[in-house]
ModelCIF file with pLDDT and N, C-alpha, C, O atoms, coordinates in Angstrom:
data_MODEL
#
_entry.id   MODEL 
#
_entity.id                         1 
_entity.type                       polymer 
_entity.pdbx_number_of_molecules   1 
#
_entity_poly.entity_id                      1 
_entity_poly.type                           'polypeptide(L)' 
_entity_poly.nstd_linkage                   no 
_entity_poly.nstd_monomer                   no 
_entity_poly.pdbx_seq_one_letter_code       IITADALHTNRDTATYITDLGGHYLLTVKDNQPKLRKALKKLPW 
_entity_poly.pdbx_seq_one_letter_code_can   IITADALHTNRDTATYITDLGGHYLLTVKDNQPKLRKALKKLPW 
_entity_poly.pdbx_strand_id                 A 
#
loop_
_entity_poly_seq.entity_id 
_entity_poly_seq.num 
_entity_poly_seq.mon_id 
_entity_poly_seq.hetero 
1 1  ILE n 
1 2  ILE n 
1 3  THR n 
1 4  ALA n 
1 5  ASP n 
1 6  ALA n 
1 7  LEU n 
1 8  HIS n 
1 9  THR n 
1 10 ASN n 
1 11 ARG n 
1 12 ASP n 
1 13 THR n 
1 14 ALA n 
1 15 THR n 
1 16 TYR n 
1 17 ILE n 
1 18 THR n 
1 19 ASP n 
1 20 LEU n 
1 21 GLY n 
1 22 GLY n 
1 23 HIS n 
1 24 TYR n 
1 25 LEU n 
1 26 LEU n 
1 27 THR n 
1 28 VAL n 
1 29 LYS n 
1 30 ASP n 
1 31 ASN n 
1 32 GLN n 
1 33 PRO n 
1 34 LYS n 
1 35 LEU n 
1 36 ARG n 
1 37 LYS n 
1 38 ALA n 
1 39 LEU n 
1 40 LYS n 
1 41 LYS n 
1 42 LEU n 
1 43 PRO n 
1 44 TRP n 
#
_struct_asym.id          A 
_struct_asym.entity_id   1 
#
loop_
_ma_qa_metric.id 
_ma_qa_metric.mode 
_ma_qa_metric.name 
_ma_qa_metric.software_group_id 
_ma_qa_metric.type 
1 global pLDDT . pLDDT 
2 local  pLDDT . pLDDT 
#
_ma_qa_metric_global.metric_id      1 
_ma_qa_metric_global.metric_value   91.11 
_ma_qa_metric_global.model_id       1 
_ma_qa_metric_global.ordinal_id     1 
#
loop_
_ma_qa_metric_local.label_asym_id 
_ma_qa_metric_local.label_comp_id 
_ma_qa_metric_local.label_seq_id 
_ma_qa_metric_local.metric_id 
_ma_qa_metric_local.metric_value 
_ma_qa_metric_local.model_id 
_ma_qa_metric_local.ordinal_id 
A ILE 1  2 92.00 1 1  
A ILE 2  2 94.00 1 2  
A THR 3  2 94.00 1 3  
A ALA 4  2 94.00 1 4  
A ASP 5  2 91.00 1 5  
A ALA 6  2 91.00 1 6  
A LEU 7  2 92.00 1 7  
A HIS 8  2 93.00 1 8  
A THR 9  2 93.00 1 9  
A ASN 10 2 91.00 1 10 
A ARG 11 2 90.00 1 11 
A ASP 12 2 93.00 1 12 
A THR 13 2 94.00 1 13 
A ALA 14 2 93.00 1 14 
A THR 15 2 94.00 1 15 
A TYR 16 2 96.00 1 16 
A ILE 17 2 96.00 1 17 
A THR 18 2 94.00 1 18 
A ASP 19 2 95.00 1 19 
A LEU 20 2 95.00 1 20 
A GLY 21 2 94.00 1 21 
A GLY 22 2 93.00 1 22 
A HIS 23 2 92.00 1 23 
A TYR 24 2 91.00 1 24 
A LEU 25 2 89.00 1 25 
A LEU 26 2 88.00 1 26 
A THR 27 2 86.00 1 27 
A VAL 28 2 88.00 1 28 
A LYS 29 2 88.00 1 29 
A ASP 30 2 89.00 1 30 
A ASN 31 2 87.00 1 31 
A GLN 32 2 89.00 1 32 
A PRO 33 2 92.00 1 33 
A LYS 34 2 91.00 1 34 
A LEU 35 2 88.00 1 35 
A ARG 36 2 89.00 1 36 
A LYS 37 2 92.00 1 37 
A ALA 38 2 89.00 1 38 
A LEU 39 2 87.00 1 39 
A LYS 40 2 88.00 1 40 
A LYS 41 2 90.00 1 41 
A LEU 42 2 88.00 1 42 
A PRO 43 2 88.00 1 43 
A TRP 44 2 88.00 1 44 
#
loop_
_atom_site.group_PDB 
_atom_site.id 
_atom_site.type_symbol 
_atom_site.label_atom_id 
_atom_site.label_alt_id 
_atom_site.label_comp_id 
_atom_site.label_asym_id 
_atom_site.label_entity_id 
_atom_site.label_seq_id 
_atom_site.pdbx_PDB_ins_code 
_atom_site.Cartn_x 
_atom_site.Cartn_y 
_atom_site.Cartn_z 
_atom_site.occupancy 
_atom_site.B_iso_or_equiv 
_atom_site.pdbx_formal_charge 
_atom_site.auth_seq_id 
_atom_site.auth_comp_id 
_atom_site.auth_asym_id 
_atom_site.auth_atom_id 
_atom_site.pdbx_PDB_model_num 
ATOM 1   N N  . ILE A 1 1  ? -0.279  -13.753 1.240  1.00 92.00 ? 1  ILE A N  1 
ATOM 2   C CA . ILE A 1 1  ? 0.034   -12.296 0.967  1.00 92.00 ? 1  ILE A CA 1 
ATOM 3   C C  . ILE A 1 1  ? 0.572   -12.060 -0.309 1.00 92.00 ? 1  ILE A C  1 
ATOM 4   O O  . ILE A 1 1  ? 1.298   -12.890 -0.857 1.00 92.00 ? 1  ILE A O  1 
ATOM 5   N N  . ILE A 1 2  ? 0.271   -11.008 -0.810 1.00 94.00 ? 2  ILE A N  1 
ATOM 6   C CA . ILE A 1 2  ? 0.701   -10.326 -2.006 1.00 94.00 ? 2  ILE A CA 1 
ATOM 7   C C  . ILE A 1 2  ? 1.696   -9.280  -1.894 1.00 94.00 ? 2  ILE A C  1 
ATOM 8   O O  . ILE A 1 2  ? 1.484   -8.210  -1.322 1.00 94.00 ? 2  ILE A O  1 
ATOM 9   N N  . THR A 1 3  ? 2.745   -9.594  -2.429 1.00 94.00 ? 3  THR A N  1 
ATOM 10  C CA . THR A 1 3  ? 3.740   -8.557  -2.692 1.00 94.00 ? 3  THR A CA 1 
ATOM 11  C C  . THR A 1 3  ? 4.001   -7.809  -4.284 1.00 94.00 ? 3  THR A C  1 
ATOM 12  O O  . THR A 1 3  ? 4.051   -8.448  -5.334 1.00 94.00 ? 3  THR A O  1 
ATOM 13  N N  . ALA A 1 4  ? 4.127   -6.539  -4.178 1.00 94.00 ? 4  ALA A N  1 
ATOM 14  C CA . ALA A 1 4  ? 4.421   -5.715  -5.480 1.00 94.00 ? 4  ALA A CA 1 
ATOM 15  C C  . ALA A 1 4  ? 5.108   -4.654  -4.953 1.00 94.00 ? 4  ALA A C  1 
ATOM 16  O O  . ALA A 1 4  ? 5.270   -4.343  -3.773 1.00 94.00 ? 4  ALA A O  1 
ATOM 17  N N  . ASP A 1 5  ? 5.608   -3.978  -6.257 1.00 91.00 ? 5  ASP A N  1 
ATOM 18  C CA . ASP A 1 5  ? 6.436   -2.705  -5.951 1.00 91.00 ? 5  ASP A CA 1 
ATOM 19  C C  . ASP A 1 5  ? 5.352   -1.675  -5.936 1.00 91.00 ? 5  ASP A C  1 
ATOM 20  O O  . ASP A 1 5  ? 4.147   -1.915  -6.010 1.00 91.00 ? 5  ASP A O  1 
ATOM 21  N N  . ALA A 1 6  ? 6.053   -0.217  -5.806 1.00 91.00 ? 6  ALA A N  1 
ATOM 22  C CA . ALA A 1 6  ? 5.343   0.603   -5.233 1.00 91.00 ? 6  ALA A CA 1 
ATOM 23  C C  . ALA A 1 6  ? 4.211   1.157   -6.511 1.00 91.00 ? 6  ALA A C  1 
ATOM 24  O O  . ALA A 1 6  ? 3.176   1.769   -6.245 1.00 91.00 ? 6  ALA A O  1 
ATOM 25  N N  . LEU A 1 7  ? 4.611   0.834   -7.780 1.00 92.00 ? 7  LEU A N  1 
ATOM 26  C CA . LEU A 1 7  ? 3.679   1.007   -8.894 1.00 92.00 ? 7  LEU A CA 1 
ATOM 27  C C  . LEU A 1 7  ? 2.359   0.600   -8.379 1.00 92.00 ? 7  LEU A C  1 
ATOM 28  O O  . LEU A 1 7  ? 1.433   1.387   -8.574 1.00 92.00 ? 7  LEU A O  1 
ATOM 29  N N  . HIS A 1 8  ? 2.117   -0.515  -7.744 1.00 93.00 ? 8  HIS A N  1 
ATOM 30  C CA . HIS A 1 8  ? 0.830   -0.948  -7.450 1.00 93.00 ? 8  HIS A CA 1 
ATOM 31  C C  . HIS A 1 8  ? 0.111   -0.803  -6.023 1.00 93.00 ? 8  HIS A C  1 
ATOM 32  O O  . HIS A 1 8  ? -0.777  -1.533  -5.583 1.00 93.00 ? 8  HIS A O  1 
ATOM 33  N N  . THR A 1 9  ? 0.809   0.514   -5.288 1.00 93.00 ? 9  THR A N  1 
ATOM 34  C CA . THR A 1 9  ? 0.312   0.848   -4.282 1.00 93.00 ? 9  THR A CA 1 
ATOM 35  C C  . THR A 1 9  ? -1.077  1.766   -4.264 1.00 93.00 ? 9  THR A C  1 
ATOM 36  O O  . THR A 1 9  ? -0.976  2.938   -3.900 1.00 93.00 ? 9  THR A O  1 
ATOM 37  N N  . ASN A 1 10 ? -2.163  1.320   -4.594 1.00 91.00 ? 10 ASN A N  1 
ATOM 38  C CA . ASN A 1 10 ? -3.139  2.178   -4.508 1.00 91.00 ? 10 ASN A CA 1 
ATOM 39  C C  . ASN A 1 10 ? -4.291  1.578   -4.189 1.00 91.00 ? 10 ASN A C  1 
ATOM 40  O O  . ASN A 1 10 ? -4.549  0.395   -4.407 1.00 91.00 ? 10 ASN A O  1 
ATOM 41  N N  . ARG A 1 11 ? -5.098  2.483   -3.601 1.00 90.00 ? 11 ARG A N  1 
ATOM 42  C CA . ARG A 1 11 ? -6.545  1.859   -3.157 1.00 90.00 ? 11 ARG A CA 1 
ATOM 43  C C  . ARG A 1 11 ? -7.241  1.021   -3.818 1.00 90.00 ? 11 ARG A C  1 
ATOM 44  O O  . ARG A 1 11 ? -7.763  0.123   -3.156 1.00 90.00 ? 11 ARG A O  1 
ATOM 45  N N  . ASP A 1 12 ? -7.462  1.040   -5.263 1.00 93.00 ? 12 ASP A N  1 
ATOM 46  C CA . ASP A 1 12 ? -8.146  0.054   -5.882 1.00 93.00 ? 12 ASP A CA 1 
ATOM 47  C C  . ASP A 1 12 ? -7.536  -1.308  -6.106 1.00 93.00 ? 12 ASP A C  1 
ATOM 48  O O  . ASP A 1 12 ? -8.192  -2.224  -6.602 1.00 93.00 ? 12 ASP A O  1 
ATOM 49  N N  . THR A 1 13 ? -6.123  -1.449  -5.692 1.00 94.00 ? 13 THR A N  1 
ATOM 50  C CA . THR A 1 13 ? -5.421  -2.767  -6.142 1.00 94.00 ? 13 THR A CA 1 
ATOM 51  C C  . THR A 1 13 ? -5.427  -3.516  -4.539 1.00 94.00 ? 13 THR A C  1 
ATOM 52  O O  . THR A 1 13 ? -5.520  -4.731  -4.369 1.00 94.00 ? 13 THR A O  1 
ATOM 53  N N  . ALA A 1 14 ? -5.326  -2.659  -3.614 1.00 93.00 ? 14 ALA A N  1 
ATOM 54  C CA . ALA A 1 14 ? -5.523  -3.075  -2.170 1.00 93.00 ? 14 ALA A CA 1 
ATOM 55  C C  . ALA A 1 14 ? -7.168  -3.529  -1.740 1.00 93.00 ? 14 ALA A C  1 
ATOM 56  O O  . ALA A 1 14 ? -7.539  -4.385  -0.937 1.00 93.00 ? 14 ALA A O  1 
ATOM 57  N N  . THR A 1 15 ? -7.743  -2.863  -2.363 1.00 94.00 ? 15 THR A N  1 
ATOM 58  C CA . THR A 1 15 ? -9.546  -3.316  -2.294 1.00 94.00 ? 15 THR A CA 1 
ATOM 59  C C  . THR A 1 15 ? -9.224  -4.736  -2.835 1.00 94.00 ? 15 THR A C  1 
ATOM 60  O O  . THR A 1 15 ? -9.181  -5.727  -2.106 1.00 94.00 ? 15 THR A O  1 
ATOM 61  N N  . TYR A 1 16 ? -8.981  -4.751  -4.299 1.00 96.00 ? 16 TYR A N  1 
ATOM 62  C CA . TYR A 1 16 ? -9.310  -5.807  -4.882 1.00 96.00 ? 16 TYR A CA 1 
ATOM 63  C C  . TYR A 1 16 ? -8.478  -7.159  -4.108 1.00 96.00 ? 16 TYR A C  1 
ATOM 64  O O  . TYR A 1 16 ? -9.019  -8.236  -3.858 1.00 96.00 ? 16 TYR A O  1 
ATOM 65  N N  . ILE A 1 17 ? -7.232  -6.852  -3.847 1.00 96.00 ? 17 ILE A N  1 
ATOM 66  C CA . ILE A 1 17 ? -6.725  -8.279  -2.862 1.00 96.00 ? 17 ILE A CA 1 
ATOM 67  C C  . ILE A 1 17 ? -7.497  -8.683  -1.667 1.00 96.00 ? 17 ILE A C  1 
ATOM 68  O O  . ILE A 1 17 ? -7.877  -9.829  -1.426 1.00 96.00 ? 17 ILE A O  1 
ATOM 69  N N  . THR A 1 18 ? -7.708  -7.537  -0.879 1.00 94.00 ? 18 THR A N  1 
ATOM 70  C CA . THR A 1 18 ? -8.596  -7.896  0.137  1.00 94.00 ? 18 THR A CA 1 
ATOM 71  C C  . THR A 1 18 ? -9.961  -8.308  -0.096 1.00 94.00 ? 18 THR A C  1 
ATOM 72  O O  . THR A 1 18 ? -10.519 -8.939  0.802  1.00 94.00 ? 18 THR A O  1 
ATOM 73  N N  . ASP A 1 19 ? -10.583 -8.049  -1.163 1.00 95.00 ? 19 ASP A N  1 
ATOM 74  C CA . ASP A 1 19 ? -12.050 -8.542  -1.793 1.00 95.00 ? 19 ASP A CA 1 
ATOM 75  C C  . ASP A 1 19 ? -11.623 -9.950  -2.178 1.00 95.00 ? 19 ASP A C  1 
ATOM 76  O O  . ASP A 1 19 ? -12.558 -10.731 -2.003 1.00 95.00 ? 19 ASP A O  1 
ATOM 77  N N  . LEU A 1 20 ? -10.740 -10.420 -2.551 1.00 95.00 ? 20 LEU A N  1 
ATOM 78  C CA . LEU A 1 20 ? -10.335 -12.017 -2.835 1.00 95.00 ? 20 LEU A CA 1 
ATOM 79  C C  . LEU A 1 20 ? -9.941  -12.558 -1.487 1.00 95.00 ? 20 LEU A C  1 
ATOM 80  O O  . LEU A 1 20 ? -9.688  -13.762 -1.434 1.00 95.00 ? 20 LEU A O  1 
ATOM 81  N N  . GLY A 1 21 ? -9.859  -11.886 -0.463 1.00 94.00 ? 21 GLY A N  1 
ATOM 82  C CA . GLY A 1 21 ? -9.470  -12.766 0.656  1.00 94.00 ? 21 GLY A CA 1 
ATOM 83  C C  . GLY A 1 21 ? -8.026  -12.646 0.940  1.00 94.00 ? 21 GLY A C  1 
ATOM 84  O O  . GLY A 1 21 ? -7.566  -13.219 1.928  1.00 94.00 ? 21 GLY A O  1 
ATOM 85  N N  . GLY A 1 22 ? -7.261  -11.938 0.145  1.00 93.00 ? 22 GLY A N  1 
ATOM 86  C CA . GLY A 1 22 ? -5.639  -12.074 0.263  1.00 93.00 ? 22 GLY A CA 1 
ATOM 87  C C  . GLY A 1 22 ? -5.457  -10.717 0.985  1.00 93.00 ? 22 GLY A C  1 
ATOM 88  O O  . GLY A 1 22 ? -6.211  -9.746  1.039  1.00 93.00 ? 22 GLY A O  1 
ATOM 89  N N  . HIS A 1 23 ? -4.114  -10.955 1.578  1.00 92.00 ? 23 HIS A N  1 
ATOM 90  C CA . HIS A 1 23 ? -3.403  -9.871  2.143  1.00 92.00 ? 23 HIS A CA 1 
ATOM 91  C C  . HIS A 1 23 ? -2.329  -9.220  1.316  1.00 92.00 ? 23 HIS A C  1 
ATOM 92  O O  . HIS A 1 23 ? -1.933  -9.802  0.307  1.00 92.00 ? 23 HIS A O  1 
ATOM 93  N N  . TYR A 1 24 ? -1.696  -7.751  1.757  1.00 91.00 ? 24 TYR A N  1 
ATOM 94  C CA . TYR A 1 24 ? -0.688  -7.415  0.760  1.00 91.00 ? 24 TYR A CA 1 
ATOM 95  C C  . TYR A 1 24 ? 0.023   -6.775  1.425  1.00 91.00 ? 24 TYR A C  1 
ATOM 96  O O  . TYR A 1 24 ? -0.433  -6.182  2.403  1.00 91.00 ? 24 TYR A O  1 
ATOM 97  N N  . LEU A 1 25 ? 1.390   -6.706  1.082  1.00 89.00 ? 25 LEU A N  1 
ATOM 98  C CA . LEU A 1 25 ? 2.467   -5.772  1.564  1.00 89.00 ? 25 LEU A CA 1 
ATOM 99  C C  . LEU A 1 25 ? 3.175   -5.216  0.447  1.00 89.00 ? 25 LEU A C  1 
ATOM 100 O O  . LEU A 1 25 ? 4.022   -5.785  -0.242 1.00 89.00 ? 25 LEU A O  1 
ATOM 101 N N  . LEU A 1 26 ? 2.667   -3.854  0.323  1.00 88.00 ? 26 LEU A N  1 
ATOM 102 C CA . LEU A 1 26 ? 3.069   -3.008  -0.915 1.00 88.00 ? 26 LEU A CA 1 
ATOM 103 C C  . LEU A 1 26 ? 4.089   -1.849  -0.180 1.00 88.00 ? 26 LEU A C  1 
ATOM 104 O O  . LEU A 1 26 ? 4.113   -1.518  1.006  1.00 88.00 ? 26 LEU A O  1 
ATOM 105 N N  . THR A 1 27 ? 4.883   -1.377  -1.265 1.00 86.00 ? 27 THR A N  1 
ATOM 106 C CA . THR A 1 27 ? 6.029   -0.416  -0.683 1.00 86.00 ? 27 THR A CA 1 
ATOM 107 C C  . THR A 1 27 ? 5.497   0.867   -1.018 1.00 86.00 ? 27 THR A C  1 
ATOM 108 O O  . THR A 1 27 ? 5.159   1.130   -2.172 1.00 86.00 ? 27 THR A O  1 
ATOM 109 N N  . VAL A 1 28 ? 5.396   1.747   -0.001 1.00 88.00 ? 28 VAL A N  1 
ATOM 110 C CA . VAL A 1 28 ? 4.991   3.287   -0.287 1.00 88.00 ? 28 VAL A CA 1 
ATOM 111 C C  . VAL A 1 28 ? 6.101   3.956   -0.542 1.00 88.00 ? 28 VAL A C  1 
ATOM 112 O O  . VAL A 1 28 ? 7.151   3.838   0.091  1.00 88.00 ? 28 VAL A O  1 
ATOM 113 N N  . LYS A 1 29 ? 5.861   4.845   -1.689 1.00 88.00 ? 29 LYS A N  1 
ATOM 114 C CA . LYS A 1 29 ? 6.686   5.758   -2.251 1.00 88.00 ? 29 LYS A CA 1 
ATOM 115 C C  . LYS A 1 29 ? 6.084   7.291   -2.557 1.00 88.00 ? 29 LYS A C  1 
ATOM 116 O O  . LYS A 1 29 ? 4.979   7.676   -2.174 1.00 88.00 ? 29 LYS A O  1 
ATOM 117 N N  . ASP A 1 30 ? 6.895   7.962   -3.208 1.00 89.00 ? 30 ASP A N  1 
ATOM 118 C CA . ASP A 1 30 ? 6.326   9.207   -3.713 1.00 89.00 ? 30 ASP A CA 1 
ATOM 119 C C  . ASP A 1 30 ? 5.067   9.243   -4.287 1.00 89.00 ? 30 ASP A C  1 
ATOM 120 O O  . ASP A 1 30 ? 4.434   10.285  -4.116 1.00 89.00 ? 30 ASP A O  1 
ATOM 121 N N  . ASN A 1 31 ? 4.507   8.274   -4.985 1.00 87.00 ? 31 ASN A N  1 
ATOM 122 C CA . ASN A 1 31 ? 3.583   7.936   -5.772 1.00 87.00 ? 31 ASN A CA 1 
ATOM 123 C C  . ASN A 1 31 ? 2.190   7.910   -5.036 1.00 87.00 ? 31 ASN A C  1 
ATOM 124 O O  . ASN A 1 31 ? 1.064   7.841   -5.529 1.00 87.00 ? 31 ASN A O  1 
ATOM 125 N N  . GLN A 1 32 ? 2.560   7.982   -3.793 1.00 89.00 ? 32 GLN A N  1 
ATOM 126 C CA . GLN A 1 32 ? 1.091   8.058   -2.612 1.00 89.00 ? 32 GLN A CA 1 
ATOM 127 C C  . GLN A 1 32 ? 1.583   9.323   -1.584 1.00 89.00 ? 32 GLN A C  1 
ATOM 128 O O  . GLN A 1 32 ? 1.704   9.139   -0.373 1.00 89.00 ? 32 GLN A O  1 
ATOM 129 N N  . PRO A 1 33 ? 1.820   10.484  -2.164 1.00 92.00 ? 33 PRO A N  1 
ATOM 130 C CA . PRO A 1 33 ? 2.287   11.397  -0.957 1.00 92.00 ? 33 PRO A CA 1 
ATOM 131 C C  . PRO A 1 33 ? 1.636   11.581  0.442  1.00 92.00 ? 33 PRO A C  1 
ATOM 132 O O  . PRO A 1 33 ? 2.267   11.921  1.442  1.00 92.00 ? 33 PRO A O  1 
ATOM 133 N N  . LYS A 1 34 ? 0.297   11.317  0.402  1.00 91.00 ? 34 LYS A N  1 
ATOM 134 C CA . LYS A 1 34 ? -0.402  11.467  1.690  1.00 91.00 ? 34 LYS A CA 1 
ATOM 135 C C  . LYS A 1 34 ? -0.288  10.497  2.747  1.00 91.00 ? 34 LYS A C  1 
ATOM 136 O O  . LYS A 1 34 ? -0.128  10.652  3.957  1.00 91.00 ? 34 LYS A O  1 
ATOM 137 N N  . LEU A 1 35 ? -0.433  9.213   1.869  1.00 88.00 ? 35 LEU A N  1 
ATOM 138 C CA . LEU A 1 35 ? -0.074  7.531   2.622  1.00 88.00 ? 35 LEU A CA 1 
ATOM 139 C C  . LEU A 1 35 ? 1.426   7.801   3.149  1.00 88.00 ? 35 LEU A C  1 
ATOM 140 O O  . LEU A 1 35 ? 1.732   7.363   4.258  1.00 88.00 ? 35 LEU A O  1 
ATOM 141 N N  . ARG A 1 36 ? 2.249   8.422   2.477  1.00 89.00 ? 36 ARG A N  1 
ATOM 142 C CA . ARG A 1 36 ? 3.604   8.361   2.971  1.00 89.00 ? 36 ARG A CA 1 
ATOM 143 C C  . ARG A 1 36 ? 3.893   9.344   4.019  1.00 89.00 ? 36 ARG A C  1 
ATOM 144 O O  . ARG A 1 36 ? 4.686   9.169   4.944  1.00 89.00 ? 36 ARG A O  1 
ATOM 145 N N  . LYS A 1 37 ? 3.168   10.422  3.796  1.00 92.00 ? 37 LYS A N  1 
ATOM 146 C CA . LYS A 1 37 ? 3.370   11.440  4.855  1.00 92.00 ? 37 LYS A CA 1 
ATOM 147 C C  . LYS A 1 37 ? 2.851   10.947  6.279  1.00 92.00 ? 37 LYS A C  1 
ATOM 148 O O  . LYS A 1 37 ? 3.372   11.190  7.368  1.00 92.00 ? 37 LYS A O  1 
ATOM 149 N N  . ALA A 1 38 ? 1.644   10.159  6.009  1.00 89.00 ? 38 ALA A N  1 
ATOM 150 C CA . ALA A 1 38 ? 0.966   9.562   7.445  1.00 89.00 ? 38 ALA A CA 1 
ATOM 151 C C  . ALA A 1 38 ? 1.985   8.696   7.859  1.00 89.00 ? 38 ALA A C  1 
ATOM 152 O O  . ALA A 1 38 ? 2.452   8.895   8.981  1.00 89.00 ? 38 ALA A O  1 
ATOM 153 N N  . LEU A 1 39 ? 2.477   7.663   7.101  1.00 87.00 ? 39 LEU A N  1 
ATOM 154 C CA . LEU A 1 39 ? 3.497   6.766   7.630  1.00 87.00 ? 39 LEU A CA 1 
ATOM 155 C C  . LEU A 1 39 ? 4.734   7.267   8.416  1.00 87.00 ? 39 LEU A C  1 
ATOM 156 O O  . LEU A 1 39 ? 5.236   6.744   9.411  1.00 87.00 ? 39 LEU A O  1 
ATOM 157 N N  . LYS A 1 40 ? 5.090   8.297   7.816  1.00 88.00 ? 40 LYS A N  1 
ATOM 158 C CA . LYS A 1 40 ? 6.518   8.828   8.172  1.00 88.00 ? 40 LYS A CA 1 
ATOM 159 C C  . LYS A 1 40 ? 5.928   9.498   9.815  1.00 88.00 ? 40 LYS A C  1 
ATOM 160 O O  . LYS A 1 40 ? 6.827   9.626   10.647 1.00 88.00 ? 40 LYS A O  1 
ATOM 161 N N  . LYS A 1 41 ? 4.820   9.814   10.162 1.00 90.00 ? 41 LYS A N  1 
ATOM 162 C CA . LYS A 1 41 ? 4.556   10.291  11.318 1.00 90.00 ? 41 LYS A CA 1 
ATOM 163 C C  . LYS A 1 41 ? 4.411   9.360   12.416 1.00 90.00 ? 41 LYS A C  1 
ATOM 164 O O  . LYS A 1 41 ? 4.238   9.765   13.566 1.00 90.00 ? 41 LYS A O  1 
ATOM 165 N N  . LEU A 1 42 ? 4.484   7.874   12.059 1.00 88.00 ? 42 LEU A N  1 
ATOM 166 C CA . LEU A 1 42 ? 4.335   6.921   12.718 1.00 88.00 ? 42 LEU A CA 1 
ATOM 167 C C  . LEU A 1 42 ? 5.755   6.790   13.607 1.00 88.00 ? 42 LEU A C  1 
ATOM 168 O O  . LEU A 1 42 ? 6.805   7.199   13.111 1.00 88.00 ? 42 LEU A O  1 
ATOM 169 N N  . PRO A 1 43 ? 5.725   6.186   14.972 1.00 88.00 ? 43 PRO A N  1 
ATOM 170 C CA . PRO A 1 43 ? 6.824   6.115   15.958 1.00 88.00 ? 43 PRO A CA 1 
ATOM 171 C C  . PRO A 1 43 ? 7.749   4.960   15.534 1.00 88.00 ? 43 PRO A C  1 
ATOM 172 O O  . PRO A 1 43 ? 7.892   3.962   16.241 1.00 88.00 ? 43 PRO A O  1 
ATOM 173 N N  . TRP A 1 44 ? 8.357   5.127   14.384 1.00 88.00 ? 44 TRP A N  1 
ATOM 174 C CA . TRP A 1 44 ? 9.318   4.096   13.832 1.00 88.00 ? 44 TRP A CA 1 
ATOM 175 C C  . TRP A 1 44 ? 10.316  3.796   14.692 1.00 88.00 ? 44 TRP A C  1 
ATOM 176 O O  . TRP A 1 44 ? 11.174  2.971   14.378 1.00 88.00 ? 44 TRP A O  1 
#
């Protein structure tokens, strides 16, 4: 499992990690507005 701050929350980094067989835990903030909006709609 790879963790990094919100700066690294992007599709290219996530794809790169999974292509190498890794998993990721990345923070979602305002740099990914569509993803953040979709996550806010989940039944937290």
